[in-house]
PDB file of N, CA and C in Angstrom:
ATOM      1  N   MET A   1      19.635  12.313   4.922  1.00  0.00           N
ATOM      2  CA  MET A   1      19.220  12.343   3.710  1.00  0.00           C
ATOM      3  C   MET A   1      18.287  13.297   4.271  1.00  0.00           C
ATOM      4  N   GLY A   2      18.222  13.636   3.538  1.00  0.00           N
ATOM      5  CA  GLY A   2      16.788  15.314   3.350  1.00  0.00           C
ATOM      6  C   GLY A   2      15.591  14.381   2.694  1.00  0.00           C
ATOM      7  N   LEU A   3      14.907  15.385   3.562  1.00  0.00           N
ATOM      8  CA  LEU A   3      13.219  14.734   3.310  1.00  0.00           C
ATOM      9  C   LEU A   3      13.035  14.203   1.754  1.00  0.00           C
ATOM     10  N   ILE A   4      13.226  15.818   1.137  1.00  0.00           N
ATOM     11  CA  ILE A   4      12.878  15.386  -0.173  1.00  0.00           C
ATOM     12  C   ILE A   4      13.538  14.734  -0.759  1.00  0.00           C
ATOM     13  N   THR A   5      14.931  14.337  -0.859  1.00  0.00           N
ATOM     14  CA  THR A   5      15.703  13.352  -1.029  1.00  0.00           C
ATOM     15  C   THR A   5      15.183  11.866  -1.131  1.00  0.00           C
ATOM     16  N   PHE A   6      14.439  12.085   0.443  1.00  0.00           N
ATOM     17  CA  PHE A   6      14.207  10.265   0.080  1.00  0.00           C
ATOM     18  C   PHE A   6      13.003  10.490  -0.547  1.00  0.00           C
ATOM     19  N   PHE A   7      12.225  11.130  -0.817  1.00  0.00           N
ATOM     20  CA  PHE A   7      10.453  10.825  -1.249  1.00  0.00           C
ATOM     21  C   PHE A   7      11.153  11.369  -2.778  1.00  0.00           C
ATOM     22  N   ASN A   8      12.422  11.639  -3.273  1.00  0.00           N
ATOM     23  CA  ASN A   8      12.106  11.912  -4.647  1.00  0.00           C
ATOM     24  C   ASN A   8      13.172   9.966  -4.720  1.00  0.00           C
ATOM     25  N   SER A   9      13.607   9.519  -3.898  1.00  0.00           N
ATOM     26  CA  SER A   9      14.708   8.513  -4.656  1.00  0.00           C
ATOM     27  C   SER A   9      13.568   7.146  -5.600  1.00  0.00           C
ATOM     28  N   ALA A  10      12.461   7.690  -5.034  1.00  0.00           N
ATOM     29  CA  ALA A  10      11.662   6.570  -5.056  1.00  0.00           C
ATOM     30  C   ALA A  10      10.517   7.010  -6.460  1.00  0.00           C
ATOM     31  N   THR A  11       9.975   6.797  -7.750  1.00  0.00           N
ATOM     32  CA  THR A  11       9.476   7.102  -8.403  1.00  0.00           C
ATOM     33  C   THR A  11       7.873   6.260  -8.068  1.00  0.00           C
ATOM     34  N   ALA A  12       6.670   7.775  -8.678  1.00  0.00           N
ATOM     35  CA  ALA A  12       4.988   7.372  -8.515  1.00  0.00           C
ATOM     36  C   ALA A  12       5.028   6.191  -9.249  1.00  0.00           C
ATOM     37  N   THR A  13       5.619   5.497  -9.727  1.00  0.00           N
ATOM     38  CA  THR A  13       5.475   3.797 -10.574  1.00  0.00           C
ATOM     39  C   THR A  13       6.107   2.979  -9.363  1.00  0.00           C
ATOM     40  N   VAL A  14       7.083   3.018  -8.882  1.00  0.00           N
ATOM     41  CA  VAL A  14       7.531   2.214  -7.261  1.00  0.00           C
ATOM     42  C   VAL A  14       5.784   2.220  -6.778  1.00  0.00           C
ATOM     43  N   TYR A  15       5.787   3.444  -6.023  1.00  0.00           N
ATOM     44  CA  TYR A  15       5.058   3.878  -4.869  1.00  0.00           C
ATOM     45  C   TYR A  15       3.192   2.950  -5.263  1.00  0.00           C
ATOM     46  N   GLY A  16       3.070   3.557  -6.854  1.00  0.00           N
ATOM     47  CA  GLY A  16       2.091   2.308  -7.023  1.00  0.00           C
ATOM     48  C   GLY A  16       1.783   0.624  -7.164  1.00  0.00           C
ATOM     49  N   PHE A  17       2.920   0.759  -7.479  1.00  0.00           N
ATOM     50  CA  PHE A  17       3.435  -0.927  -7.907  1.00  0.00           C
ATOM     51  C   PHE A  17       3.056  -1.913  -6.375  1.00  0.00           C
ATOM     52  N   ILE A  18       3.811  -1.232  -5.745  1.00  0.00           N
ATOM     53  CA  ILE A  18       3.894  -1.297  -4.136  1.00  0.00           C
ATOM     54  C   ILE A  18       2.290  -1.468  -3.363  1.00  0.00           C
ATOM     55  N   ALA A  19       2.022  -0.080  -3.850  1.00  0.00           N
ATOM     56  CA  ALA A  19       0.270  -0.310  -3.410  1.00  0.00           C
ATOM     57  C   ALA A  19      -0.692  -1.094  -4.422  1.00  0.00           C
ATOM     58  N   LEU A  20      -0.427  -1.324  -5.203  1.00  0.00           N
ATOM     59  CA  LEU A  20      -1.296  -2.342  -6.050  1.00  0.00           C
ATOM     60  C   LEU A  20      -1.090  -3.524  -5.561  1.00  0.00           C
ATOM     61  N   LEU A  21       0.138  -4.288  -5.062  1.00  0.00           N
ATOM     62  CA  LEU A  21       0.227  -4.967  -5.032  1.00  0.00           C
ATOM     63  C   LEU A  21      -0.345  -4.926  -3.385  1.00  0.00           C
ATOM     64  N   THR A  22      -0.847  -4.713  -2.590  1.00  0.00           N
ATOM     65  CA  THR A  22      -0.583  -4.413  -1.369  1.00  0.00           C
ATOM     66  C   THR A  22      -2.274  -4.508  -1.174  1.00  0.00           C
ATOM     67  N   TRP A  23      -2.966  -3.802  -2.131  1.00  0.00           N
ATOM     68  CA  TRP A  23      -3.717  -3.990  -2.848  1.00  0.00           C
ATOM     69  C   TRP A  23      -4.792  -5.019  -2.613  1.00  0.00           C
ATOM     70  N   VAL A  24      -4.194  -6.082  -3.727  1.00  0.00           N
ATOM     71  CA  VAL A  24      -4.502  -7.930  -3.749  1.00  0.00           C
ATOM     72  C   VAL A  24      -4.113  -8.633  -2.580  1.00  0.00           C
ATOM     73  N   ALA A  25      -3.258  -7.904  -1.760  1.00  0.00           N
ATOM     74  CA  ALA A  25      -2.729  -9.050  -0.640  1.00  0.00           C
ATOM     75  C   ALA A  25      -3.825  -9.012   0.134  1.00  0.00           C
ATOM     76  N   ILE A  26      -4.451  -7.416   0.392  1.00  0.00           N
ATOM     77  CA  ILE A  26      -5.454  -7.715   1.414  1.00  0.00           C
ATOM     78  C   ILE A  26      -7.077  -7.628   1.068  1.00  0.00           C
ATOM     79  N   GLN A  27      -7.385  -8.127  -0.697  1.00  0.00           N
ATOM     80  CA  GLN A  27      -8.180  -7.829  -1.138  1.00  0.00           C
ATOM     81  C   GLN A  27      -8.302  -9.770  -0.670  1.00  0.00           C
ATOM     82  N   ALA A  28      -7.393 -10.727  -0.552  1.00  0.00           N
ATOM     83  CA  ALA A  28      -7.030 -12.257  -0.273  1.00  0.00           C
ATOM     84  C   ALA A  28      -6.820 -12.601   1.180  1.00  0.00           C
ATOM     85  N   VAL A  29      -6.762 -11.495   1.968  1.00  0.00           N
ATOM     86  CA  VAL A  29      -6.849 -11.299   3.350  1.00  0.00           C
ATOM     87  C   VAL A  29      -8.647 -11.234   3.932  1.00  0.00           C
ATOM     88  N   LYS A  30      -8.994 -10.291   2.978  1.00  0.00           N
ATOM     89  CA  LYS A  30     -10.424 -10.360   3.167  1.00  0.00           C
ATOM     90  C   LYS A  30     -11.080 -11.477   3.033  1.00  0.00           C
ATOM     91  N   GLN A  31     -10.553 -12.638   2.404  1.00  0.00           N
ATOM     92  CA  GLN A  31     -11.547 -13.919   2.156  1.00  0.00           C
ATOM     93  C   GLN A  31     -11.640 -14.031   3.041  1.00  0.00           C
ATOM     94  N   THR A  32     -10.366 -14.553   4.221  1.00  0.00           N
ATOM     95  CA  THR A  32     -10.418 -15.080   5.362  1.00  0.00           C
ATOM     96  C   THR A  32     -11.400 -14.345   6.446  1.00  0.00           C
ATOM     97  N   LYS A  33     -11.159 -15.075   7.532  1.00  0.00           N
ATOM     98  CA  LYS A  33     -12.169 -14.396   9.241  1.00  0.00           C
ATOM     99  C   LYS A  33     -11.447 -13.707   9.546  1.00  0.00           C
ATOM    100  N   VAL A  34     -10.600 -12.519   9.084  1.00  0.00           N
ATOM    101  CA  VAL A  34     -10.266 -11.509   9.772  1.00  0.00           C
ATOM    102  C   VAL A  34     -10.836 -10.414   9.954  1.00  0.00           C
ATOM    103  N   ASP A  35     -10.890  -9.953  11.071  1.00  0.00           N
ATOM    104  CA  ASP A  35     -11.695  -9.037  11.404  1.00  0.00           C
ATOM    105  C   ASP A  35     -11.603  -7.607  10.093  1.00  0.00           C
ATOM    106  N   ASN A  36     -12.973  -7.276   9.760  1.00  0.00           N
ATOM    107  CA  ASN A  36     -11.987  -5.967   8.776  1.00  0.00           C
ATOM    108  C   ASN A  36     -11.895  -4.835   9.729  1.00  0.00           C
ATOM    109  N   HIS A  37     -11.671  -4.934  10.721  1.00  0.00           N
ATOM    110  CA  HIS A  37     -11.483  -3.636  11.906  1.00  0.00           C
ATOM    111  C   HIS A  37      -9.918  -3.961  11.701  1.00  0.00           C
ATOM    112  N   TYR A  38      -9.169  -4.594  11.456  1.00  0.00           N
ATOM    113  CA  TYR A  38      -7.698  -4.918  11.224  1.00  0.00           C
ATOM    114  C   TYR A  38      -7.228  -4.431   9.881  1.00  0.00           C
ATOM    115  N   LEU A  39      -7.840  -4.153   8.774  1.00  0.00           N
ATOM    116  CA  LEU A  39      -7.640  -3.986   7.457  1.00  0.00           C
ATOM    117  C   LEU A  39      -6.399  -3.109   7.548  1.00  0.00           C
ATOM    118  N   PRO A  40      -6.576  -2.150   7.738  1.00  0.00           N
ATOM    119  CA  PRO A  40      -5.757  -0.788   7.737  1.00  0.00           C
ATOM    120  C   PRO A  40      -4.432  -0.862   8.755  1.00  0.00           C
ATOM    121  N   LEU A  41      -4.460  -1.456   9.808  1.00  0.00           N
ATOM    122  CA  LEU A  41      -3.384  -1.911  10.215  1.00  0.00           C
ATOM    123  C   LEU A  41      -2.706  -3.595   9.317  1.00  0.00           C
ATOM    124  N   ILE A  42      -3.318  -4.468   8.940  1.00  0.00           N
ATOM    125  CA  ILE A  42      -2.435  -4.859   7.805  1.00  0.00           C
ATOM    126  C   ILE A  42      -2.298  -4.430   6.946  1.00  0.00           C
ATOM    127  N   SER A  43      -2.986  -3.812   5.973  1.00  0.00           N
ATOM    128  CA  SER A  43      -2.420  -2.729   5.102  1.00  0.00           C
ATOM    129  C   SER A  43      -0.550  -2.299   5.050  1.00  0.00           C
ATOM    130  N   ILE A  44      -1.045  -1.861   5.824  1.00  0.00           N
ATOM    131  CA  ILE A  44       0.367  -1.336   6.479  1.00  0.00           C
ATOM    132  C   ILE A  44       1.286  -1.831   6.670  1.00  0.00           C
ATOM    133  N   ILE A  45       0.990  -3.208   7.150  1.00  0.00           N
ATOM    134  CA  ILE A  45       2.521  -4.280   7.859  1.00  0.00           C
ATOM    135  C   ILE A  45       2.806  -4.567   6.370  1.00  0.00           C
ATOM    136  N   LEU A  46       2.107  -5.166   5.487  1.00  0.00           N
ATOM    137  CA  LEU A  46       2.145  -6.096   3.802  1.00  0.00           C
ATOM    138  C   LEU A  46       2.507  -4.729   3.349  1.00  0.00           C
ATOM    139  N   GLY A  47       2.539  -3.776   3.284  1.00  0.00           N
ATOM    140  CA  GLY A  47       2.741  -2.788   2.201  1.00  0.00           C
ATOM    141  C   GLY A  47       4.392  -2.437   2.631  1.00  0.00           C
ATOM    142  N   THR A  48       4.483  -2.609   3.946  1.00  0.00           N
ATOM    143  CA  THR A  48       6.286  -2.448   4.849  1.00  0.00           C
ATOM    144  C   THR A  48       6.628  -3.914   3.905  1.00  0.00           C
ATOM    145  N   LEU A  49       6.554  -5.081   3.968  1.00  0.00           N
ATOM    146  CA  LEU A  49       6.845  -6.400   3.951  1.00  0.00           C
ATOM    147  C   LEU A  49       7.449  -6.387   2.395  1.00  0.00           C
ATOM    148  N   ILE A  50       6.061  -6.095   1.828  1.00  0.00           N
ATOM    149  CA  ILE A  50       6.837  -6.111   0.012  1.00  0.00           C
ATOM    150  C   ILE A  50       7.291  -4.310  -0.134  1.00  0.00           C
ATOM    151  N   GLY A  51       7.142  -4.070   0.334  1.00  0.00           N
ATOM    152  CA  GLY A  51       8.146  -2.648  -0.492  1.00  0.00           C
ATOM    153  C   GLY A  51      10.070  -3.268   0.758  1.00  0.00           C
ATOM    154  N   PHE A  52       9.705  -4.096   0.961  1.00  0.00           N
ATOM    155  CA  PHE A  52      10.803  -4.244   1.582  1.00  0.00           C
ATOM    156  C   PHE A  52      11.320  -5.618   0.627  1.00  0.00           C
ATOM    157  N   ILE A  53      10.560  -6.627   0.362  1.00  0.00           N
ATOM    158  CA  ILE A  53      11.390  -7.172  -1.033  1.00  0.00           C
ATOM    159  C   ILE A  53      10.848  -6.812  -2.125  1.00  0.00           C
ATOM    160  N   ALA A  54      10.492  -6.184  -2.166  1.00  0.00           N
ATOM    161  CA  ALA A  54      10.430  -5.109  -3.822  1.00  0.00           C
ATOM    162  C   ALA A  54      11.889  -4.426  -4.015  1.00  0.00           C
ATOM    163  N   ALA A  55      12.560  -3.988  -3.023  1.00  0.00           N
ATOM    164  CA  ALA A  55      13.363  -2.726  -2.922  1.00  0.00           C
ATOM    165  C   ALA A  55      14.597  -3.944  -4.232  1.00  0.00           C
ATOM    166  N   HIS A  56      14.737  -5.551  -3.885  1.00  0.00           N
ATOM    167  CA  HIS A  56      15.577  -6.177  -4.372  1.00  0.00           C
ATOM    168  C   HIS A  56      15.173  -6.231  -5.689  1.00  0.00           C
ATOM    169  N   PHE A  57      14.186  -6.463  -6.316  1.00  0.00           N
ATOM    170  CA  PHE A  57      13.786  -6.393  -7.675  1.00  0.00           C
ATOM    171  C   PHE A  57      13.381  -4.874  -8.175  1.00  0.00           C
ATOM    172  N   ILE A  58      12.782  -4.159  -7.880  1.00  0.00           N
ATOM    173  CA  ILE A  58      12.404  -2.464  -8.459  1.00  0.00           C
ATOM    174  C   ILE A  58      13.398  -1.760  -8.536  1.00  0.00           C
ATOM    175  N   TYR A  59      13.786  -1.697  -7.850  1.00  0.00           N
ATOM    176  CA  TYR A  59      15.566  -0.721  -7.506  1.00  0.00           C
ATOM    177  C   TYR A  59      16.257  -0.687  -6.741  1.00  0.00           C
ATOM    178  N   VAL A  60      17.614  -0.573  -7.247  1.00  0.00           N
ATOM    179  CA  VAL A  60      18.196  -1.411  -6.410  1.00  0.00           C
ATOM    180  C   VAL A  60      18.403   0.089  -5.351  1.00  0.00           C
ATOM    181  N   THR A  61      18.288  -0.135  -4.053  1.00  0.00           N
ATOM    182  CA  THR A  61      18.332   0.517  -2.782  1.00  0.00           C
ATOM    183  C   THR A  61      18.290   0.026  -2.082  1.00  0.00           C
ATOM    184  N   ASP A  62      18.955   0.825  -0.698  1.00  0.00           N
ATOM    185  CA  ASP A  62      18.274  -0.070   0.616  1.00  0.00           C
ATOM    186  C   ASP A  62      17.557  -0.703   0.679  1.00  0.00           C
ATOM    187  N   ALA A  63      17.636  -2.030   1.790  1.00  0.00           N
ATOM    188  CA  ALA A  63      15.905  -2.579   1.857  1.00  0.00           C
ATOM    189  C   ALA A  63      14.957  -1.794   2.702  1.00  0.00           C
ATOM    190  N   TRP A  64      15.705  -1.077   3.536  1.00  0.00           N
ATOM    191  CA  TRP A  64      14.574  -0.378   4.508  1.00  0.00           C
ATOM    192  C   TRP A  64      14.312   1.089   3.748  1.00  0.00           C
ATOM    193  N   LEU A  65      14.602   1.219   2.689  1.00  0.00           N
ATOM    194  CA  LEU A  65      14.104   2.475   2.203  1.00  0.00           C
ATOM    195  C   LEU A  65      12.770   2.237   1.545  1.00  0.00           C
ATOM    196  N   GLY A  66      13.158   0.650   0.970  1.00  0.00           N
ATOM    197  CA  GLY A  66      11.937   0.189   0.126  1.00  0.00           C
ATOM    198  C   GLY A  66      10.790   0.065   1.675  1.00  0.00           C
ATOM    199  N   ALA A  67      11.327  -0.576   3.005  1.00  0.00           N
ATOM    200  CA  ALA A  67      10.114  -0.856   3.611  1.00  0.00           C
ATOM    201  C   ALA A  67       9.452   0.437   3.947  1.00  0.00           C
ATOM    202  N   ALA A  68      10.138   1.567   3.746  1.00  0.00           N
ATOM    203  CA  ALA A  68       9.818   2.902   4.110  1.00  0.00           C
ATOM    204  C   ALA A  68       8.495   3.430   3.212  1.00  0.00           C
ATOM    205  N   PHE A  69       9.496   3.165   1.821  1.00  0.00           N
ATOM    206  CA  PHE A  69       8.188   2.980   0.595  1.00  0.00           C
ATOM    207  C   PHE A  69       6.977   2.518   0.698  1.00  0.00           C
ATOM    208  N   GLY A  70       6.604   1.230   0.850  1.00  0.00           N
ATOM    209  CA  GLY A  70       6.190  -0.037   1.743  1.00  0.00           C
ATOM    210  C   GLY A  70       5.378   0.643   2.366  1.00  0.00           C
ATOM    211  N   PHE A  71       5.162   1.240   3.572  1.00  0.00           N
ATOM    212  CA  PHE A  71       4.628   1.993   4.303  1.00  0.00           C
ATOM    213  C   PHE A  71       4.274   2.854   4.029  1.00  0.00           C
ATOM    214  N   ILE A  72       4.599   3.488   3.790  1.00  0.00           N
ATOM    215  CA  ILE A  72       3.716   4.193   2.470  1.00  0.00           C
ATOM    216  C   ILE A  72       2.591   3.691   1.740  1.00  0.00           C
ATOM    217  N   SER A  73       2.758   3.383   0.992  1.00  0.00           N
ATOM    218  CA  SER A  73       2.240   3.023  -0.095  1.00  0.00           C
ATOM    219  C   SER A  73       0.587   1.799   0.723  1.00  0.00           C
ATOM    220  N   GLY A  74       1.715   1.133   1.871  1.00  0.00           N
ATOM    221  CA  GLY A  74       0.186   0.712   2.387  1.00  0.00           C
ATOM    222  C   GLY A  74      -1.017   1.460   3.316  1.00  0.00           C
ATOM    223  N   PHE A  75      -0.578   3.023   3.040  1.00  0.00           N
ATOM    224  CA  PHE A  75      -1.193   3.636   3.620  1.00  0.00           C
ATOM    225  C   PHE A  75      -1.945   4.237   2.407  1.00  0.00           C
ATOM    226  N   ALA A  76      -1.566   4.352   1.220  1.00  0.00           N
ATOM    227  CA  ALA A  76      -2.009   4.168  -0.043  1.00  0.00           C
ATOM    228  C   ALA A  76      -3.147   3.449  -0.434  1.00  0.00           C
ATOM    229  N   ALA A  77      -2.836   2.316  -0.274  1.00  0.00           N
ATOM    230  CA  ALA A  77      -3.236   0.925  -0.753  1.00  0.00           C
ATOM    231  C   ALA A  77      -4.843   1.210   0.406  1.00  0.00           C
ATOM    232  N   THR A  78      -4.661   1.702   1.872  1.00  0.00           N
ATOM    233  CA  THR A  78      -6.119   1.930   2.538  1.00  0.00           C
ATOM    234  C   THR A  78      -6.279   2.385   1.890  1.00  0.00           C
ATOM    235  N   GLY A  79      -6.536   4.095   1.556  1.00  0.00           N
ATOM    236  CA  GLY A  79      -7.367   4.785   0.800  1.00  0.00           C
ATOM    237  C   GLY A  79      -7.557   4.777  -0.388  1.00  0.00           C
ATOM    238  N   LEU A  80      -7.185   2.995  -1.315  1.00  0.00           N
ATOM    239  CA  LEU A  80      -7.501   3.300  -2.852  1.00  0.00           C
ATOM    240  C   LEU A  80      -8.538   2.301  -2.424  1.00  0.00           C
ATOM    241  N   ASN A  81      -8.792   1.513  -1.479  1.00  0.00           N
ATOM    242  CA  ASN A  81      -9.581   0.419  -0.874  1.00  0.00           C
ATOM    243  C   ASN A  81     -11.051   1.133  -0.516  1.00  0.00           C
ATOM    244  N   GLU A  82     -10.529   2.313   0.358  1.00  0.00           N
ATOM    245  CA  GLU A  82     -11.644   3.364   1.214  1.00  0.00           C
ATOM    246  C   GLU A  82     -12.429   3.734   0.047  1.00  0.00           C
ATOM    247  N   THR A  83     -11.656   4.406  -0.783  1.00  0.00           N
ATOM    248  CA  THR A  83     -11.997   5.065  -2.128  1.00  0.00           C
ATOM    249  C   THR A  83     -13.133   4.442  -2.942  1.00  0.00           C
ATOM    250  N   LEU A  84     -12.386   3.245  -3.056  1.00  0.00           N
ATOM    251  CA  LEU A  84     -13.021   2.095  -4.096  1.00  0.00           C
ATOM    252  C   LEU A  84     -14.532   1.030  -3.315  1.00  0.00           C
ATOM    253  N   ASN A  85     -14.715   1.185  -2.341  1.00  0.00           N
ATOM    254  CA  ASN A  85     -15.623   0.599  -1.554  1.00  0.00           C
ATOM    255  C   ASN A  85     -16.933   1.717  -1.850  1.00  0.00           C
ATOM    256  N   HIS A  86     -16.246   3.196  -1.540  1.00  0.00           N
ATOM    257  CA  HIS A  86     -17.640   4.061  -0.993  1.00  0.00           C
ATOM    258  C   HIS A  86     -17.955   4.637  -1.911  1.00  0.00           C
ATOM    259  N   TYR A  87     -17.062   4.877  -3.056  1.00  0.00           N
ATOM    260  CA  TYR A  87     -17.877   5.489  -4.231  1.00  0.00           C
ATOM    261  C   TYR A  87     -17.650   4.779  -5.743  1.00  0.00           C
ATOM    262  N   ALA A  88     -16.713   4.068  -5.552  1.00  0.00           N
ATOM    263  CA  ALA A  88     -17.398   3.153  -6.703  1.00  0.00           C
ATOM    264  C   ALA A  88     -17.969   1.703  -6.973  1.00  0.00           C
ATOM    265  N   PHE A  89     -17.919   0.918  -5.615  1.00  0.00           N
ATOM    266  CA  PHE A  89     -18.950  -0.386  -5.798  1.00  0.00           C
ATOM    267  C   PHE A  89     -19.814  -0.121  -4.942  1.00  0.00           C
ATOM    268  N   ASN A  90     -20.057   0.896  -3.946  1.00  0.00           N
ATOM    269  CA  ASN A  90     -21.428   1.298  -2.906  1.00  0.00           C
ATOM    270  C   ASN A  90     -21.417   2.738  -2.672  1.00  0.00           C
ATOM    271  N   PRO A  91     -21.816   2.918  -4.467  1.00  0.00           N
ATOM    272  CA  PRO A  91     -22.671   4.710  -4.640  1.00  0.00           C
ATOM    273  C   PRO A  91     -23.392   4.784  -3.324  1.00  0.00           C
ATOM    274  N   LYS A  92     -23.556   5.993  -2.650  1.00  0.00           N
ATOM    275  CA  LYS A  92     -24.856   6.194  -1.711  1.00  0.00           C
ATOM    276  C   LYS A  92     -26.241   6.783  -2.924  1.00  0.00           C
ATOM    277  N   GLU A  93     -26.973   6.192  -2.231  1.00  0.00           N
ATOM    278  CA  GLU A  93     -27.453   7.273  -3.796  1.00  0.00           C
ATOM    279  C   GLU A  93     -28.379   8.693  -2.886  1.00  0.00           C
ATOM    280  N   GLU A  94     -28.539   9.121  -3.961  1.00  0.00           N
ATOM    281  CA  GLU A  94     -29.095  10.858  -3.615  1.00  0.00           C
ATOM    282  C   GLU A  94     -30.583  11.045  -2.898  1.00  0.00           C
ATOM    283  N   LYS A  95     -30.726  11.884  -1.799  1.00  0.00           N
ATOM    284  CA  LYS A  95     -32.677  12.061  -1.704  1.00  0.00           C
ATOM    285  C   LYS A  95     -32.713  13.049  -2.488  1.00  0.00           C
TER     286      LYS A  95
END
């Protein structure tokens, strides 16, 4: 399967849904005593697991393809979290 076909087989909605579920799961993990240093790695792992499981419910495809989409969405959730933390919730004051 070509790389273009791979990315076209899922829609942006699927990526967004998995990224949102991963972000919510990371917010729950933050409430525990887990070191924040490991949150990006946990996000990628949770995204992969959520994508693997969601492949059966969101779209009919190979579960490993869902895991790959989840892996990518885990990266997206990490970026979403960093963006919200640095720019929306804790904006730096201008000097």
